[in-house]
Amino acid sequence: MGDIYFDLHSSDDLAGMAPQPMPGGGFTNAALPPGLHGGGLYIIYNHLTNNRYIGISVDLANRFGGRMSVITELGFDHHTMSNILIWWGRAGVKNTNAFGNPNWLANYNGPLLAREL
């Protein structure tokens, strides 16, 4: 048997990440929060609709940078984005009742599968 550990040590709302309109019709780059990089696990929660999404990525900045870059163009306003929350961090495993820290999964390159040992 094994234990799975989740360390969702960072959080933010999406309001600060949305690009801002620029003169001439362009937009600034998406402003990702500090620490949103590398591989990891993330949870998105929309407080207005009660929708949730959980995902994994080998590159969190790439995953969110590309998606957030079109938010303003799609017409999502600041109020809507401030009600969409994100938590991110890492996952680890260790044998049940084993001593010490979990073995943190270094790279998320596919689904997280759990099986009985």
C-alpha atoms as a PDB file:
ATOM      1  CA  MET A   1       0.000   0.000   0.000  1.00  0.00           C
ATOM      2  CA  GLY A   2       1.146   3.537  -0.580  1.00  0.00           C
ATOM      3  CA  ASP A   3       0.264   7.079   0.436  1.00  0.00           C
ATOM      4  CA  ILE A   4      -0.058   9.972  -2.010  1.00  0.00           C
ATOM      5  CA  TYR A   5       0.851  13.445  -0.728  1.00  0.00           C
ATOM      6  CA  PHE A   6      -0.232  16.743  -2.270  1.00  0.00           C
ATOM      7  CA  ASP A   7       1.649  19.932  -1.430  1.00  0.00           C
ATOM      8  CA  LEU A   8      -0.343  22.770  -3.017  1.00  0.00           C
ATOM      9  CA  HIS A   9       1.900  25.433  -1.528  1.00  0.00           C
ATOM     10  CA  SER A  10       0.994  28.363  -3.798  1.00  0.00           C
ATOM     11  CA  SER A  11      -2.241  30.075  -4.794  1.00  0.00           C
ATOM     12  CA  ASP A  12      -3.552  33.147  -6.585  1.00  0.00           C
ATOM     13  CA  ASP A  13      -6.580  34.387  -8.484  1.00  0.00           C
ATOM     14  CA  LEU A  14      -6.460  34.848 -12.244  1.00  0.00           C
ATOM     15  CA  ALA A  15      -7.271  38.591 -12.247  1.00  0.00           C
ATOM     16  CA  GLY A  16      -3.643  39.671 -12.036  1.00  0.00           C
ATOM     17  CA  MET A  17      -2.605  37.260 -14.786  1.00  0.00           C
ATOM     18  CA  ALA A  18      -4.824  38.667 -17.553  1.00  0.00           C
ATOM     19  CA  PRO A  19      -3.052  40.794 -20.206  1.00  0.00           C
ATOM     20  CA  GLN A  20      -3.939  44.478 -20.273  1.00  0.00           C
ATOM     21  CA  PRO A  21      -5.129  46.274 -23.436  1.00  0.00           C
ATOM     22  CA  MET A  22      -2.545  48.511 -25.113  1.00  0.00           C
ATOM     23  CA  PRO A  23      -3.022  51.507 -27.428  1.00  0.00           C
ATOM     24  CA  GLY A  24      -3.464  50.348 -31.010  1.00  0.00           C
ATOM     25  CA  GLY A  25      -5.357  47.171 -30.124  1.00  0.00           C
ATOM     26  CA  GLY A  26      -2.572  44.990 -28.738  1.00  0.00           C
ATOM     27  CA  PHE A  27      -2.213  43.448 -25.301  1.00  0.00           C
ATOM     28  CA  THR A  28       0.575  43.115 -22.759  1.00  0.00           C
ATOM     29  CA  ASN A  29       1.927  39.662 -21.878  1.00  0.00           C
ATOM     30  CA  ALA A  30       0.173  37.515 -19.312  1.00  0.00           C
ATOM     31  CA  ALA A  31       1.591  38.264 -15.853  1.00  0.00           C
ATOM     32  CA  LEU A  32       2.116  34.891 -14.199  1.00  0.00           C
ATOM     33  CA  PRO A  33       2.569  34.824 -10.421  1.00  0.00           C
ATOM     34  CA  PRO A  34       6.014  34.079  -8.988  1.00  0.00           C
ATOM     35  CA  GLY A  35       6.632  30.377  -8.576  1.00  0.00           C
ATOM     36  CA  LEU A  36       4.325  29.249 -11.377  1.00  0.00           C
ATOM     37  CA  HIS A  37       7.025  27.385 -13.296  1.00  0.00           C
ATOM     38  CA  GLY A  38       8.429  23.913 -13.674  1.00  0.00           C
ATOM     39  CA  GLY A  39       6.352  20.770 -13.519  1.00  0.00           C
ATOM     40  CA  GLY A  40       3.488  20.341 -11.121  1.00  0.00           C
ATOM     41  CA  LEU A  41      -0.093  19.771 -10.205  1.00  0.00           C
ATOM     42  CA  TYR A  42      -2.719  22.525 -10.336  1.00  0.00           C
ATOM     43  CA  ILE A  43      -6.334  23.046  -9.305  1.00  0.00           C
ATOM     44  CA  ILE A  44      -8.567  25.746 -10.796  1.00  0.00           C
ATOM     45  CA  TYR A  45     -11.819  26.728  -9.080  1.00  0.00           C
ATOM     46  CA  ASN A  46     -14.382  29.139 -10.516  1.00  0.00           C
ATOM     47  CA  HIS A  47     -16.231  30.593  -7.529  1.00  0.00           C
ATOM     48  CA  LEU A  48     -18.994  32.043  -9.746  1.00  0.00           C
ATOM     49  CA  THR A  49     -19.928  28.757 -11.441  1.00  0.00           C
ATOM     50  CA  ASN A  50     -18.636  26.259  -8.849  1.00  0.00           C
ATOM     51  CA  ASN A  51     -16.635  24.523 -11.624  1.00  0.00           C
ATOM     52  CA  ARG A  52     -13.332  22.825 -10.798  1.00  0.00           C
ATOM     53  CA  TYR A  53     -10.460  21.483 -12.867  1.00  0.00           C
ATOM     54  CA  ILE A  54      -7.392  19.530 -11.790  1.00  0.00           C
ATOM     55  CA  GLY A  55      -4.445  19.078 -14.106  1.00  0.00           C
ATOM     56  CA  ILE A  56      -0.756  18.292 -14.348  1.00  0.00           C
ATOM     57  CA  SER A  57       1.902  19.819 -16.545  1.00  0.00           C
ATOM     58  CA  VAL A  58       5.616  19.483 -17.184  1.00  0.00           C
ATOM     59  CA  ASP A  59       5.750  23.294 -17.601  1.00  0.00           C
ATOM     60  CA  LEU A  60       3.181  25.289 -15.607  1.00  0.00           C
ATOM     61  CA  ALA A  61       4.329  28.655 -17.011  1.00  0.00           C
ATOM     62  CA  ASN A  62       3.843  27.430 -20.567  1.00  0.00           C
ATOM     63  CA  ARG A  63       0.459  25.917 -19.732  1.00  0.00           C
ATOM     64  CA  PHE A  64      -0.879  29.135 -18.178  1.00  0.00           C
ATOM     65  CA  GLY A  65       1.010  31.694 -20.257  1.00  0.00           C
ATOM     66  CA  GLY A  66      -0.566  30.522 -23.496  1.00  0.00           C
ATOM     67  CA  ARG A  67      -4.051  30.300 -22.088  1.00  0.00           C
ATOM     68  CA  MET A  68      -3.941  33.565 -20.153  1.00  0.00           C
ATOM     69  CA  SER A  69      -2.644  35.469 -23.187  1.00  0.00           C
ATOM     70  CA  VAL A  70      -6.094  35.315 -24.824  1.00  0.00           C
ATOM     71  CA  ILE A  71      -8.276  36.010 -21.767  1.00  0.00           C
ATOM     72  CA  THR A  72      -8.656  39.743 -22.446  1.00  0.00           C
ATOM     73  CA  GLU A  73      -9.350  39.179 -26.145  1.00  0.00           C
ATOM     74  CA  LEU A  74     -12.114  36.727 -25.242  1.00  0.00           C
ATOM     75  CA  GLY A  75     -13.820  39.409 -23.146  1.00  0.00           C
ATOM     76  CA  PHE A  76     -13.329  38.090 -19.596  1.00  0.00           C
ATOM     77  CA  ASP A  77     -13.390  41.080 -17.256  1.00  0.00           C
ATOM     78  CA  HIS A  78     -11.395  41.661 -14.060  1.00  0.00           C
ATOM     79  CA  HIS A  79     -14.340  40.765 -11.772  1.00  0.00           C
ATOM     80  CA  THR A  80     -14.815  37.384 -13.470  1.00  0.00           C
ATOM     81  CA  MET A  81     -11.097  36.587 -13.361  1.00  0.00           C
ATOM     82  CA  SER A  82     -10.828  37.574  -9.679  1.00  0.00           C
ATOM     83  CA  ASN A  83     -13.340  34.798  -8.896  1.00  0.00           C
ATOM     84  CA  ILE A  84     -11.271  32.100 -10.600  1.00  0.00           C
ATOM     85  CA  LEU A  85      -8.713  30.731  -8.162  1.00  0.00           C
ATOM     86  CA  ILE A  86      -5.681  28.537  -8.754  1.00  0.00           C
ATOM     87  CA  TRP A  87      -3.582  26.414  -6.412  1.00  0.00           C
ATOM     88  CA  TRP A  88      -0.409  24.682  -7.573  1.00  0.00           C
ATOM     89  CA  GLY A  89       2.325  22.541  -6.148  1.00  0.00           C
ATOM     90  CA  ARG A  90       3.609  18.991  -6.231  1.00  0.00           C
ATOM     91  CA  ALA A  91       2.673  15.414  -5.478  1.00  0.00           C
ATOM     92  CA  GLY A  92       4.672  12.659  -3.829  1.00  0.00           C
ATOM     93  CA  VAL A  93       4.370   9.046  -2.805  1.00  0.00           C
ATOM     94  CA  LYS A  94       5.733   6.766  -0.106  1.00  0.00           C
ATOM     95  CA  ASN A  95       4.884   3.412   1.386  1.00  0.00           C
ATOM     96  CA  THR A  96       2.159   3.474   4.024  1.00  0.00           C
ATOM     97  CA  ASN A  97       3.579   3.989   7.539  1.00  0.00           C
ATOM     98  CA  ALA A  98       7.095   4.551   6.142  1.00  0.00           C
ATOM     99  CA  PHE A  99       9.261   7.096   7.967  1.00  0.00           C
ATOM    100  CA  GLY A 100      10.669  10.191   6.314  1.00  0.00           C
ATOM    101  CA  ASN A 101       9.497  12.524   3.596  1.00  0.00           C
ATOM    102  CA  PRO A 102       7.575  11.413   0.522  1.00  0.00           C
ATOM    103  CA  ASN A 103       9.422  10.846  -2.736  1.00  0.00           C
ATOM    104  CA  TRP A 104       8.306  14.000  -4.541  1.00  0.00           C
ATOM    105  CA  LEU A 105       7.560  13.357  -8.184  1.00  0.00           C
ATOM    106  CA  ALA A 106      10.075  15.428 -10.111  1.00  0.00           C
ATOM    107  CA  ASN A 107       8.458  15.514 -13.560  1.00  0.00           C
ATOM    108  CA  TYR A 108       4.820  15.253 -14.501  1.00  0.00           C
ATOM    109  CA  ASN A 109       4.895  13.752 -17.974  1.00  0.00           C
ATOM    110  CA  GLY A 110       1.662  11.830 -17.969  1.00  0.00           C
ATOM    111  CA  PRO A 111      -1.264  10.770 -15.835  1.00  0.00           C
ATOM    112  CA  LEU A 112      -0.575  10.119 -12.178  1.00  0.00           C
ATOM    113  CA  LEU A 113      -1.317   6.416 -11.740  1.00  0.00           C
ATOM    114  CA  ALA A 114      -1.669   4.746  -8.372  1.00  0.00           C
ATOM    115  CA  ARG A 115      -1.406   1.014  -7.873  1.00  0.00           C
ATOM    116  CA  GLU A 116      -1.281  -1.292  -4.915  1.00  0.00           C
ATOM    117  CA  LEU A 117       2.259  -2.405  -4.039  1.00  0.00           C
END
